[in-house]
PDB file of all heavy atoms in Angstrom:
ATOM      1  N   SER A   1      87.824  95.365  64.334  1.00  0.00           N
ATOM      2  CA  SER A   1      88.932  95.638  63.457  1.00  0.00           C
ATOM      3  C   SER A   1      89.535  96.967  63.689  1.00  0.00           C
ATOM      4  O   SER A   1      90.678  97.203  63.190  1.00  0.00           O
ATOM      5  CB  SER A   1      88.437  95.562  61.950  1.00  0.00           C
ATOM      6  OG  SER A   1      87.597  96.606  61.661  1.00  0.00           O
ATOM      7  N   SER A   2      88.914  97.839  64.458  1.00  0.00           N
ATOM      8  CA  SER A   2      89.474  99.138  64.754  1.00  0.00           C
ATOM      9  C   SER A   2      90.769  99.016  65.520  1.00  0.00           C
ATOM     10  O   SER A   2      91.642  99.863  65.525  1.00  0.00           O
ATOM     11  CB  SER A   2      88.508  99.961  65.536  1.00  0.00           C
ATOM     12  OG  SER A   2      88.239  99.444  66.817  1.00  0.00           O
ATOM     13  N   CYS A   3      91.030  97.881  66.171  1.00  0.00           N
ATOM     14  CA  CYS A   3      92.316  97.633  66.947  1.00  0.00           C
ATOM     15  C   CYS A   3      93.467  97.673  65.884  1.00  0.00           C
ATOM     16  O   CYS A   3      94.553  98.254  66.263  1.00  0.00           O
ATOM     17  CB  CYS A   3      92.300  96.326  67.664  1.00  0.00           C
ATOM     18  SG  CYS A   3      91.135  96.321  69.075  1.00  0.00           S
ATOM     19  N   ARG A   4      93.296  97.144  64.739  1.00  0.00           N
ATOM     20  CA  ARG A   4      94.380  97.189  63.742  1.00  0.00           C
ATOM     21  C   ARG A   4      94.572  98.583  63.268  1.00  0.00           C
ATOM     22  O   ARG A   4      95.630  99.093  63.119  1.00  0.00           O
ATOM     23  CB  ARG A   4      94.013  96.302  62.570  1.00  0.00           C
ATOM     24  CG  ARG A   4      94.184  94.769  62.884  1.00  0.00           C
ATOM     25  CD  ARG A   4      94.029  93.987  61.585  1.00  0.00           C
ATOM     26  NE  ARG A   4      92.796  94.177  60.926  1.00  0.00           N
ATOM     27  CZ  ARG A   4      91.623  93.505  61.185  1.00  0.00           C
ATOM     28  NH1 ARG A   4      91.660  92.653  62.222  1.00  0.00           N
ATOM     29  NH2 ARG A   4      90.545  93.734  60.518  1.00  0.00           N
ATOM     30  N   ASP A   5      93.454  99.301  63.049  1.00  0.00           N
ATOM     31  CA  ASP A   5      93.520 100.748  62.586  1.00  0.00           C
ATOM     32  C   ASP A   5      94.295 101.551  63.708  1.00  0.00           C
ATOM     33  O   ASP A   5      95.154 102.390  63.385  1.00  0.00           O
ATOM     34  CB  ASP A   5      92.185 101.382  62.428  1.00  0.00           C
ATOM     35  CG  ASP A   5      91.465 100.787  61.214  1.00  0.00           C
ATOM     36  OD1 ASP A   5      92.106 100.165  60.388  1.00  0.00           O
ATOM     37  OD2 ASP A   5      90.184 100.927  61.184  1.00  0.00           O
ATOM     38  N   LEU A   6      93.976 101.312  64.971  1.00  0.00           N
ATOM     39  CA  LEU A   6      94.585 102.103  66.038  1.00  0.00           C
ATOM     40  C   LEU A   6      96.103 101.803  66.118  1.00  0.00           C
ATOM     41  O   LEU A   6      96.940 102.708  66.181  1.00  0.00           O
ATOM     42  CB  LEU A   6      93.993 101.759  67.357  1.00  0.00           C
ATOM     43  CG  LEU A   6      92.583 102.329  67.585  1.00  0.00           C
ATOM     44  CD1 LEU A   6      91.859 101.696  68.739  1.00  0.00           C
ATOM     45  CD2 LEU A   6      92.669 103.868  67.802  1.00  0.00           C
ATOM     46  N   ALA A   7      96.500 100.530  65.947  1.00  0.00           N
ATOM     47  CA  ALA A   7      97.892 100.211  65.972  1.00  0.00           C
ATOM     48  C   ALA A   7      98.595 100.841  64.804  1.00  0.00           C
ATOM     49  O   ALA A   7      99.757 101.321  64.976  1.00  0.00           O
ATOM     50  CB  ALA A   7      98.044  98.655  65.798  1.00  0.00           C
ATOM     51  N   ASP A   8      97.964 101.008  63.633  1.00  0.00           N
ATOM     52  CA  ASP A   8      98.596 101.688  62.436  1.00  0.00           C
ATOM     53  C   ASP A   8      98.832 103.160  62.833  1.00  0.00           C
ATOM     54  O   ASP A   8      99.861 103.716  62.475  1.00  0.00           O
ATOM     55  CB  ASP A   8      97.746 101.548  61.260  1.00  0.00           C
ATOM     56  CG  ASP A   8      97.709 100.124  60.711  1.00  0.00           C
ATOM     57  OD1 ASP A   8      98.621  99.289  61.089  1.00  0.00           O
ATOM     58  OD2 ASP A   8      96.792  99.780  59.897  1.00  0.00           O
ATOM     59  N   TYR A   9      97.843 103.790  63.471  1.00  0.00           N
ATOM     60  CA  TYR A   9      97.958 105.206  63.756  1.00  0.00           C
ATOM     61  C   TYR A   9      99.072 105.489  64.753  1.00  0.00           C
ATOM     62  O   TYR A   9      99.756 106.465  64.652  1.00  0.00           O
ATOM     63  CB  TYR A   9      96.666 105.779  64.254  1.00  0.00           C
ATOM     64  CG  TYR A   9      95.682 105.972  63.190  1.00  0.00           C
ATOM     65  CD1 TYR A   9      94.555 105.202  63.069  1.00  0.00           C
ATOM     66  CD2 TYR A   9      95.867 106.970  62.192  1.00  0.00           C
ATOM     67  CE1 TYR A   9      93.615 105.380  62.029  1.00  0.00           C
ATOM     68  CE2 TYR A   9      94.976 107.173  61.194  1.00  0.00           C
ATOM     69  CZ  TYR A   9      93.831 106.303  61.116  1.00  0.00           C
ATOM     70  OH  TYR A   9      92.948 106.540  60.142  1.00  0.00           O
ATOM     71  N   ILE A  10      99.228 104.579  65.666  1.00  0.00           N
ATOM     72  CA  ILE A  10     100.209 104.745  66.755  1.00  0.00           C
ATOM     73  C   ILE A  10     101.643 104.655  66.200  1.00  0.00           C
ATOM     74  O   ILE A  10     102.575 105.310  66.660  1.00  0.00           O
ATOM     75  CB  ILE A  10     100.050 103.709  67.857  1.00  0.00           C
ATOM     76  CG1 ILE A  10      98.722 103.987  68.608  1.00  0.00           C
ATOM     77  CG2 ILE A  10     101.178 103.683  68.834  1.00  0.00           C
ATOM     78  CD1 ILE A  10      98.256 102.860  69.466  1.00  0.00           C
ATOM     79  N   GLN A  11     101.728 103.953  65.030  1.00  0.00           N
ATOM     80  CA  GLN A  11     103.112 103.756  64.430  1.00  0.00           C
ATOM     81  C   GLN A  11     103.444 104.872  63.438  1.00  0.00           C
ATOM     82  O   GLN A  11     104.533 104.900  62.881  1.00  0.00           O
ATOM     83  CB  GLN A  11     103.109 102.434  63.642  1.00  0.00           C
ATOM     84  CG  GLN A  11     102.945 101.199  64.521  1.00  0.00           C
ATOM     85  CD  GLN A  11     103.890 101.182  65.644  1.00  0.00           C
ATOM     86  OE1 GLN A  11     105.072 101.369  65.499  1.00  0.00           O
ATOM     87  NE2 GLN A  11     103.389 100.850  66.841  1.00  0.00           N
ATOM     88  N   LYS A  12     102.568 105.811  63.190  1.00  0.00           N
ATOM     89  CA  LYS A  12     102.878 106.907  62.241  1.00  0.00           C
ATOM     90  C   LYS A  12     104.093 107.622  62.671  1.00  0.00           C
ATOM     91  O   LYS A  12     104.287 108.104  63.807  1.00  0.00           O
ATOM     92  CB  LYS A  12     101.755 107.911  62.199  1.00  0.00           C
ATOM     93  CG  LYS A  12     100.424 107.341  61.631  1.00  0.00           C
ATOM     94  CD  LYS A  12     100.331 107.363  60.194  1.00  0.00           C
ATOM     95  CE  LYS A  12      98.971 106.913  59.794  1.00  0.00           C
ATOM     96  NZ  LYS A  12      98.762 106.852  58.412  1.00  0.00           N
ATOM     97  N   LYS A  13     105.064 107.796  61.735  1.00  0.00           N
ATOM     98  CA  LYS A  13     106.324 108.470  61.987  1.00  0.00           C
ATOM     99  C   LYS A  13     106.269 109.952  61.910  1.00  0.00           C
ATOM    100  O   LYS A  13     107.033 110.646  62.581  1.00  0.00           O
ATOM    101  CB  LYS A  13     107.381 107.986  60.993  1.00  0.00           C
ATOM    102  CG  LYS A  13     107.636 106.441  61.023  1.00  0.00           C
ATOM    103  CD  LYS A  13     108.427 106.069  62.192  1.00  0.00           C
ATOM    104  CE  LYS A  13     108.745 104.592  62.124  1.00  0.00           C
ATOM    105  NZ  LYS A  13     108.723 103.880  63.406  1.00  0.00           N
ATOM    106  N   ASP A  14     105.329 110.499  61.163  1.00  0.00           N
ATOM    107  CA  ASP A  14     105.271 111.966  60.936  1.00  0.00           C
ATOM    108  C   ASP A  14     104.351 112.662  61.868  1.00  0.00           C
ATOM    109  O   ASP A  14     104.052 113.826  61.721  1.00  0.00           O
ATOM    110  CB  ASP A  14     104.998 112.262  59.480  1.00  0.00           C
ATOM    111  CG  ASP A  14     103.646 111.747  59.034  1.00  0.00           C
ATOM    112  OD1 ASP A  14     103.188 110.765  59.632  1.00  0.00           O
ATOM    113  OD2 ASP A  14     103.081 112.291  58.084  1.00  0.00           O
ATOM    114  N   TRP A  15     103.860 111.990  62.888  1.00  0.00           N
ATOM    115  CA  TRP A  15     102.987 112.618  63.834  1.00  0.00           C
ATOM    116  C   TRP A  15     103.694 112.975  65.122  1.00  0.00           C
ATOM    117  O   TRP A  15     104.652 112.227  65.538  1.00  0.00           O
ATOM    118  CB  TRP A  15     101.808 111.617  64.233  1.00  0.00           C
ATOM    119  CG  TRP A  15     100.798 111.409  63.216  1.00  0.00           C
ATOM    120  CD1 TRP A  15     100.842 111.749  61.943  1.00  0.00           C
ATOM    121  CD2 TRP A  15      99.584 110.759  63.429  1.00  0.00           C
ATOM    122  NE1 TRP A  15      99.721 111.326  61.314  1.00  0.00           N
ATOM    123  CE2 TRP A  15      98.898 110.777  62.155  1.00  0.00           C
ATOM    124  CE3 TRP A  15      98.914 110.178  64.501  1.00  0.00           C
ATOM    125  CZ2 TRP A  15      97.661 110.202  62.030  1.00  0.00           C
ATOM    126  CZ3 TRP A  15      97.683 109.635  64.389  1.00  0.00           C
ATOM    127  CH2 TRP A  15      97.034 109.622  63.099  1.00  0.00           C
ATOM    128  N   SER A  16     103.350 114.021  65.773  1.00  0.00           N
ATOM    129  CA  SER A  16     103.964 114.293  67.040  1.00  0.00           C
ATOM    130  C   SER A  16     103.551 113.249  68.101  1.00  0.00           C
ATOM    131  O   SER A  16     102.494 112.652  67.976  1.00  0.00           O
ATOM    132  CB  SER A  16     103.617 115.689  67.560  1.00  0.00           C
ATOM    133  OG  SER A  16     102.363 115.711  68.190  1.00  0.00           O
ATOM    134  N   ARG A  17     104.372 113.039  69.064  1.00  0.00           N
ATOM    135  CA  ARG A  17     104.110 112.068  70.085  1.00  0.00           C
ATOM    136  C   ARG A  17     102.800 112.315  70.776  1.00  0.00           C
ATOM    137  O   ARG A  17     102.032 111.447  71.099  1.00  0.00           O
ATOM    138  CB  ARG A  17     105.309 112.085  71.102  1.00  0.00           C
ATOM    139  CG  ARG A  17     105.161 111.076  72.192  1.00  0.00           C
ATOM    140  CD  ARG A  17     106.393 111.135  73.106  1.00  0.00           C
ATOM    141  NE  ARG A  17     106.455 112.412  73.772  1.00  0.00           N
ATOM    142  CZ  ARG A  17     106.773 112.568  75.076  1.00  0.00           C
ATOM    143  NH1 ARG A  17     107.145 111.530  75.758  1.00  0.00           N
ATOM    144  NH2 ARG A  17     106.745 113.764  75.598  1.00  0.00           N
ATOM    145  N   ILE A  18     102.534 113.615  71.054  1.00  0.00           N
ATOM    146  CA  ILE A  18     101.336 113.997  71.758  1.00  0.00           C
ATOM    147  C   ILE A  18     100.076 113.594  70.950  1.00  0.00           C
ATOM    148  O   ILE A  18      99.112 113.170  71.615  1.00  0.00           O
ATOM    149  CB  ILE A  18     101.356 115.577  72.048  1.00  0.00           C
ATOM    150  CG1 ILE A  18     102.473 115.793  73.098  1.00  0.00           C
ATOM    151  CG2 ILE A  18     100.017 116.055  72.560  1.00  0.00           C
ATOM    152  CD1 ILE A  18     102.372 114.980  74.376  1.00  0.00           C
ATOM    153  N   LEU A  19     100.093 113.733  69.662  1.00  0.00           N
ATOM    154  CA  LEU A  19      98.934 113.398  68.896  1.00  0.00           C
ATOM    155  C   LEU A  19      98.662 111.928  68.791  1.00  0.00           C
ATOM    156  O   LEU A  19      97.587 111.485  68.447  1.00  0.00           O
ATOM    157  CB  LEU A  19      99.022 114.040  67.462  1.00  0.00           C
ATOM    158  CG  LEU A  19      98.821 115.495  67.427  1.00  0.00           C
ATOM    159  CD1 LEU A  19      99.071 116.118  66.087  1.00  0.00           C
ATOM    160  CD2 LEU A  19      97.406 115.945  67.936  1.00  0.00           C
ATOM    161  N   LYS A  20      99.694 111.145  69.107  1.00  0.00           N
ATOM    162  CA  LYS A  20      99.511 109.640  69.140  1.00  0.00           C
ATOM    163  C   LYS A  20      98.900 109.190  70.409  1.00  0.00           C
ATOM    164  O   LYS A  20      98.294 108.099  70.465  1.00  0.00           O
ATOM    165  CB  LYS A  20     100.865 108.994  68.976  1.00  0.00           C
ATOM    166  CG  LYS A  20     101.551 109.197  67.621  1.00  0.00           C
ATOM    167  CD  LYS A  20     102.865 108.430  67.600  1.00  0.00           C
ATOM    168  CE  LYS A  20     103.551 108.679  66.280  1.00  0.00           C
ATOM    169  NZ  LYS A  20     104.817 107.947  66.247  1.00  0.00           N
ATOM    170  N   LEU A  21      98.993 109.934  71.544  1.00  0.00           N
ATOM    171  CA  LEU A  21      98.509 109.506  72.787  1.00  0.00           C
ATOM    172  C   LEU A  21      97.049 109.239  72.906  1.00  0.00           C
ATOM    173  O   LEU A  21      96.669 108.262  73.574  1.00  0.00           O
ATOM    174  CB  LEU A  21      98.981 110.489  73.884  1.00  0.00           C
ATOM    175  CG  LEU A  21     100.489 110.554  74.116  1.00  0.00           C
ATOM    176  CD1 LEU A  21     100.847 111.548  75.144  1.00  0.00           C
ATOM    177  CD2 LEU A  21     101.059 109.199  74.473  1.00  0.00           C
ATOM    178  N   PRO A  22      96.151 110.014  72.311  1.00  0.00           N
ATOM    179  CA  PRO A  22      94.698 109.630  72.305  1.00  0.00           C
ATOM    180  C   PRO A  22      94.473 108.291  71.625  1.00  0.00           C
ATOM    181  O   PRO A  22      93.702 107.508  72.169  1.00  0.00           O
ATOM    182  CB  PRO A  22      93.985 110.781  71.558  1.00  0.00           C
ATOM    183  CG  PRO A  22      94.915 111.957  71.672  1.00  0.00           C
ATOM    184  CD  PRO A  22      96.300 111.327  71.729  1.00  0.00           C
ATOM    185  N   PHE A  23      95.201 108.036  70.557  1.00  0.00           N
ATOM    186  CA  PHE A  23      95.026 106.740  69.899  1.00  0.00           C
ATOM    187  C   PHE A  23      95.597 105.624  70.733  1.00  0.00           C
ATOM    188  O   PHE A  23      94.999 104.506  70.856  1.00  0.00           O
ATOM    189  CB  PHE A  23      95.751 106.736  68.538  1.00  0.00           C
ATOM    190  CG  PHE A  23      95.211 107.668  67.508  1.00  0.00           C
ATOM    191  CD1 PHE A  23      95.570 108.983  67.402  1.00  0.00           C
ATOM    192  CD2 PHE A  23      94.203 107.176  66.686  1.00  0.00           C
ATOM    193  CE1 PHE A  23      95.005 109.795  66.470  1.00  0.00           C
ATOM    194  CE2 PHE A  23      93.621 108.018  65.730  1.00  0.00           C
ATOM    195  CZ  PHE A  23      94.015 109.345  65.645  1.00  0.00           C
ATOM    196  N   LEU A  24      96.702 105.827  71.390  1.00  0.00           N
ATOM    197  CA  LEU A  24      97.282 104.853  72.268  1.00  0.00           C
ATOM    198  C   LEU A  24      96.423 104.521  73.488  1.00  0.00           C
ATOM    199  O   LEU A  24      96.155 103.359  73.817  1.00  0.00           O
ATOM    200  CB  LEU A  24      98.686 105.266  72.800  1.00  0.00           C
ATOM    201  CG  LEU A  24      99.473 104.295  73.654  1.00  0.00           C
ATOM    202  CD1 LEU A  24      99.730 103.022  72.982  1.00  0.00           C
ATOM    203  CD2 LEU A  24     100.775 104.972  74.167  1.00  0.00           C
ATOM    204  N   ALA A  25      95.828 105.520  74.062  1.00  0.00           N
ATOM    205  CA  ALA A  25      94.855 105.339  75.138  1.00  0.00           C
ATOM    206  C   ALA A  25      93.656 104.551  74.704  1.00  0.00           C
ATOM    207  O   ALA A  25      93.141 103.679  75.411  1.00  0.00           O
ATOM    208  CB  ALA A  25      94.458 106.689  75.779  1.00  0.00           C
ATOM    209  N   LEU A  26      93.104 104.914  73.576  1.00  0.00           N
ATOM    210  CA  LEU A  26      91.919 104.223  73.078  1.00  0.00           C
ATOM    211  C   LEU A  26      92.266 102.775  72.742  1.00  0.00           C
ATOM    212  O   LEU A  26      91.514 101.835  73.094  1.00  0.00           O
ATOM    213  CB  LEU A  26      91.386 104.905  71.809  1.00  0.00           C
ATOM    214  CG  LEU A  26      90.111 104.354  71.191  1.00  0.00           C
ATOM    215  CD1 LEU A  26      88.939 104.398  72.140  1.00  0.00           C
ATOM    216  CD2 LEU A  26      89.765 105.110  69.930  1.00  0.00           C
ATOM    217  N   GLU A  27      93.406 102.558  72.129  1.00  0.00           N
ATOM    218  CA  GLU A  27      93.854 101.145  71.755  1.00  0.00           C
ATOM    219  C   GLU A  27      94.054 100.318  73.049  1.00  0.00           C
ATOM    220  O   GLU A  27      93.616  99.186  73.118  1.00  0.00           O
ATOM    221  CB  GLU A  27      95.135 101.233  70.920  1.00  0.00           C
ATOM    222  CG  GLU A  27      95.628  99.940  70.392  1.00  0.00           C
ATOM    223  CD  GLU A  27      96.675  99.263  71.186  1.00  0.00           C
ATOM    224  OE1 GLU A  27      97.316  99.943  72.069  1.00  0.00           O
ATOM    225  OE2 GLU A  27      96.911  98.108  70.957  1.00  0.00           O
ATOM    226  N   ASP A  28      94.673 100.963  74.085  1.00  0.00           N
ATOM    227  CA  ASP A  28      94.951 100.220  75.241  1.00  0.00           C
ATOM    228  C   ASP A  28      93.678  99.943  76.086  1.00  0.00           C
ATOM    229  O   ASP A  28      93.556  98.886  76.691  1.00  0.00           O
ATOM    230  CB  ASP A  28      95.930 101.028  76.151  1.00  0.00           C
ATOM    231  CG  ASP A  28      96.524 100.201  77.237  1.00  0.00           C
ATOM    232  OD1 ASP A  28      96.841  98.983  77.048  1.00  0.00           O
ATOM    233  OD2 ASP A  28      96.790 100.697  78.327  1.00  0.00           O
ATOM    234  N   THR A  29      92.717 100.794  76.009  1.00  0.00           N
ATOM    235  CA  THR A  29      91.445 100.587  76.645  1.00  0.00           C
ATOM    236  C   THR A  29      90.531  99.600  76.001  1.00  0.00           C
ATOM    237  O   THR A  29      89.999  98.706  76.592  1.00  0.00           O
ATOM    238  CB  THR A  29      90.605 101.985  76.793  1.00  0.00           C
ATOM    239  OG1 THR A  29      91.501 102.843  77.500  1.00  0.00           O
ATOM    240  CG2 THR A  29      89.302 101.793  77.548  1.00  0.00           C
ATOM    241  N   VAL A  30      90.415  99.714  74.683  1.00  0.00           N
ATOM    242  CA  VAL A  30      89.513  98.859  73.868  1.00  0.00           C
ATOM    243  C   VAL A  30      90.145  97.500  73.560  1.00  0.00           C
ATOM    244  O   VAL A  30      89.505  96.503  73.663  1.00  0.00           O
ATOM    245  CB  VAL A  30      89.056  99.544  72.594  1.00  0.00           C
ATOM    246  CG1 VAL A  30      88.235  98.636  71.702  1.00  0.00           C
ATOM    247  CG2 VAL A  30      88.276 100.782  72.922  1.00  0.00           C
ATOM    248  N   CYS A  31      91.390  97.533  73.190  1.00  0.00           N
ATOM    249  CA  CYS A  31      92.036  96.296  72.662  1.00  0.00           C
ATOM    250  C   CYS A  31      93.065  95.709  73.627  1.00  0.00           C
ATOM    251  O   CYS A  31      93.458  94.537  73.453  1.00  0.00           O
ATOM    252  CB  CYS A  31      92.707  96.573  71.319  1.00  0.00           C
ATOM    253  SG  CYS A  31      91.742  97.527  70.168  1.00  0.00           S
ATOM    254  N   GLY A  32      93.459  96.445  74.600  1.00  0.00           N
ATOM    255  CA  GLY A  32      94.553  95.995  75.477  1.00  0.00           C
ATOM    256  C   GLY A  32      94.022  95.744  76.857  1.00  0.00           C
ATOM    257  O   GLY A  32      92.875  95.446  77.118  1.00  0.00           O
ATOM    258  N   LYS A  33      94.935  95.874  77.831  1.00  0.00           N
ATOM    259  CA  LYS A  33      94.617  95.546  79.166  1.00  0.00           C
ATOM    260  C   LYS A  33      94.848  96.748  80.121  1.00  0.00           C
ATOM    261  O   LYS A  33      95.033  96.610  81.372  1.00  0.00           O
ATOM    262  CB  LYS A  33      95.451  94.373  79.700  1.00  0.00           C
ATOM    263  CG  LYS A  33      95.149  93.154  78.944  1.00  0.00           C
ATOM    264  CD  LYS A  33      96.017  92.039  79.415  1.00  0.00           C
ATOM    265  CE  LYS A  33      95.723  90.763  78.526  1.00  0.00           C
ATOM    266  NZ  LYS A  33      96.739  89.706  78.694  1.00  0.00           N
ATOM    267  N   LYS A  34      94.886  97.926  79.524  1.00  0.00           N
ATOM    268  CA  LYS A  34      95.093  99.200  80.229  1.00  0.00           C
ATOM    269  C   LYS A  34      96.415  99.208  80.957  1.00  0.00           C
ATOM    270  O   LYS A  34      96.634  99.850  81.994  1.00  0.00           O
ATOM    271  CB  LYS A  34      93.963  99.468  81.291  1.00  0.00           C
ATOM    272  CG  LYS A  34      92.558  99.454  80.626  1.00  0.00           C
ATOM    273  CD  LYS A  34      91.528  99.598  81.651  1.00  0.00           C
ATOM    274  CE  LYS A  34      90.144  99.581  81.096  1.00  0.00           C
ATOM    275  NZ  LYS A  34      89.699  98.210  80.753  1.00  0.00           N
ATOM    276  N   GLU A  35      97.445  98.510  80.303  1.00  0.00           N
ATOM    277  CA  GLU A  35      98.741  98.445  80.869  1.00  0.00           C
ATOM    278  C   GLU A  35      99.650  99.654  80.496  1.00  0.00           C
ATOM    279  O   GLU A  35     100.753  99.790  81.062  1.00  0.00           O
ATOM    280  CB  GLU A  35      99.447  97.156  80.447  1.00  0.00           C
ATOM    281  CG  GLU A  35      98.732  95.912  80.933  1.00  0.00           C
ATOM    282  CD  GLU A  35      99.183  94.619  80.324  1.00  0.00           C
ATOM    283  OE1 GLU A  35      99.839  94.675  79.218  1.00  0.00           O
ATOM    284  OE2 GLU A  35      99.004  93.559  80.933  1.00  0.00           O
ATOM    285  N   LYS A  36      99.229 100.389  79.521  1.00  0.00           N
ATOM    286  CA  LYS A  36     100.028 101.515  79.035  1.00  0.00           C
ATOM    287  C   LYS A  36      99.670 102.857  79.614  1.00  0.00           C
ATOM    288  O   LYS A  36     100.213 103.878  79.293  1.00  0.00           O
ATOM    289  CB  LYS A  36      99.928 101.609  77.510  1.00  0.00           C
ATOM    290  CG  LYS A  36     100.434 100.373  76.832  1.00  0.00           C
ATOM    291  CD  LYS A  36     100.188 100.355  75.353  1.00  0.00           C
ATOM    292  CE  LYS A  36     100.554  99.054  74.715  1.00  0.00           C
ATOM    293  NZ  LYS A  36     100.030  98.925  73.393  1.00  0.00           N
ATOM    294  N   TYR A  37      98.697 102.901  80.560  1.00  0.00           N
ATOM    295  CA  TYR A  37      98.215 104.129  81.176  1.00  0.00           C
ATOM    296  C   TYR A  37      99.364 104.920  81.822  1.00  0.00           C
ATOM    297  O   TYR A  37      99.403 106.114  81.782  1.00  0.00           O
ATOM    298  CB  TYR A  37      97.117 103.834  82.168  1.00  0.00           C
ATOM    299  CG  TYR A  37      95.710 103.638  81.527  1.00  0.00           C
ATOM    300  CD1 TYR A  37      95.569 103.349  80.139  1.00  0.00           C
ATOM    301  CD2 TYR A  37      94.603 103.683  82.285  1.00  0.00           C
ATOM    302  CE1 TYR A  37      94.313 103.124  79.627  1.00  0.00           C
ATOM    303  CE2 TYR A  37      93.338 103.508  81.795  1.00  0.00           C
ATOM    304  CZ  TYR A  37      93.175 103.185  80.439  1.00  0.00           C
ATOM    305  OH  TYR A  37      91.927 102.939  79.907  1.00  0.00           O
ATOM    306  N   ALA A  38     100.225 104.205  82.572  1.00  0.00           N
ATOM    307  CA  ALA A  38     101.289 104.843  83.276  1.00  0.00           C
ATOM    308  C   ALA A  38     102.218 105.592  82.225  1.00  0.00           C
ATOM    309  O   ALA A  38     102.590 106.729  82.504  1.00  0.00           O
ATOM    310  CB  ALA A  38     102.093 103.880  84.121  1.00  0.00           C
ATOM    311  N   ARG A  39     102.491 104.892  81.161  1.00  0.00           N
ATOM    312  CA  ARG A  39     103.356 105.446  80.109  1.00  0.00           C
ATOM    313  C   ARG A  39     102.737 106.690  79.487  1.00  0.00           C
ATOM    314  O   ARG A  39     103.333 107.665  79.137  1.00  0.00           O
ATOM    315  CB  ARG A  39     103.688 104.389  79.113  1.00  0.00           C
ATOM    316  CG  ARG A  39     104.773 104.801  78.113  1.00  0.00           C
ATOM    317  CD  ARG A  39     105.184 103.640  77.305  1.00  0.00           C
ATOM    318  NE  ARG A  39     104.277 103.607  76.107  1.00  0.00           N
ATOM    319  CZ  ARG A  39     104.161 102.575  75.295  1.00  0.00           C
ATOM    320  NH1 ARG A  39     104.843 101.487  75.503  1.00  0.00           N
ATOM    321  NH2 ARG A  39     103.276 102.627  74.354  1.00  0.00           N
ATOM    322  N   ILE A  40     101.426 106.577  79.242  1.00  0.00           N
ATOM    323  CA  ILE A  40     100.630 107.679  78.616  1.00  0.00           C
ATOM    324  C   ILE A  40     100.662 108.918  79.575  1.00  0.00           C
ATOM    325  O   ILE A  40     100.926 110.047  79.146  1.00  0.00           O
ATOM    326  CB  ILE A  40      99.209 107.235  78.309  1.00  0.00           C
ATOM    327  CG1 ILE A  40      99.228 106.167  77.204  1.00  0.00           C
ATOM    328  CG2 ILE A  40      98.323 108.420  77.934  1.00  0.00           C
ATOM    329  CD1 ILE A  40      97.918 105.401  77.053  1.00  0.00           C
TER     330      ILE A  40
END
Protein backbone atom coordinates (compact mmCIF):
# COMPACT_ATOMS: atom_id res chain seq x y z
CA SER A 1 0.00 0.00 0.00
CA SER A 2 3.03 2.28 0.26
CA CYS A 3 2.82 2.74 -3.53
CA ARG A 4 -0.33 4.81 -3.03
CA ASP A 5 1.38 6.84 -0.30
CA LEU A 6 4.36 7.48 -2.53
CA ALA A 7 2.13 8.63 -5.40
CA ASP A 8 0.41 11.07 -3.01
CA TYR A 9 3.73 12.53 -1.89
CA ILE A 10 4.92 13.01 -5.46
CA GLN A 11 1.79 15.07 -6.19
CA LYS A 12 2.33 17.54 -3.32
CA LYS A 13 2.12 21.07 -4.73
CA ASP A 14 3.88 22.89 -1.88
CA TRP A 15 7.06 20.80 -1.98
CA SER A 16 10.15 21.74 -3.94
CA ARG A 17 10.84 19.53 -6.93
CA ILE A 18 14.09 18.31 -5.38
CA LEU A 19 12.35 17.02 -2.25
CA LYS A 20 9.97 14.98 -4.41
CA LEU A 21 12.80 13.13 -6.18
CA PRO A 22 13.62 10.63 -3.38
CA PHE A 23 9.92 9.69 -3.27
CA LEU A 24 9.78 9.40 -7.08
CA ALA A 25 12.89 7.19 -7.14
CA LEU A 26 11.48 4.96 -4.40
CA GLU A 27 8.10 4.75 -6.12
CA ASP A 28 9.69 3.91 -9.47
CA THR A 29 11.95 1.27 -7.93
CA VAL A 30 9.41 -0.44 -5.69
CA CYS A 31 6.18 0.06 -7.62
CA GLY A 32 7.27 0.85 -11.16
CA LYS A 33 9.66 -0.43 -13.76
CA LYS A 34 12.56 1.96 -13.19
CA GLU A 35 11.47 3.92 -16.24
CA LYS A 36 11.74 7.33 -14.55
CA TYR A 37 15.42 7.10 -13.63
CA ALA A 38 16.53 9.19 -16.61
CA ARG A 39 14.06 11.94 -15.68
CA ILE A 40 15.20 11.83 -12.04
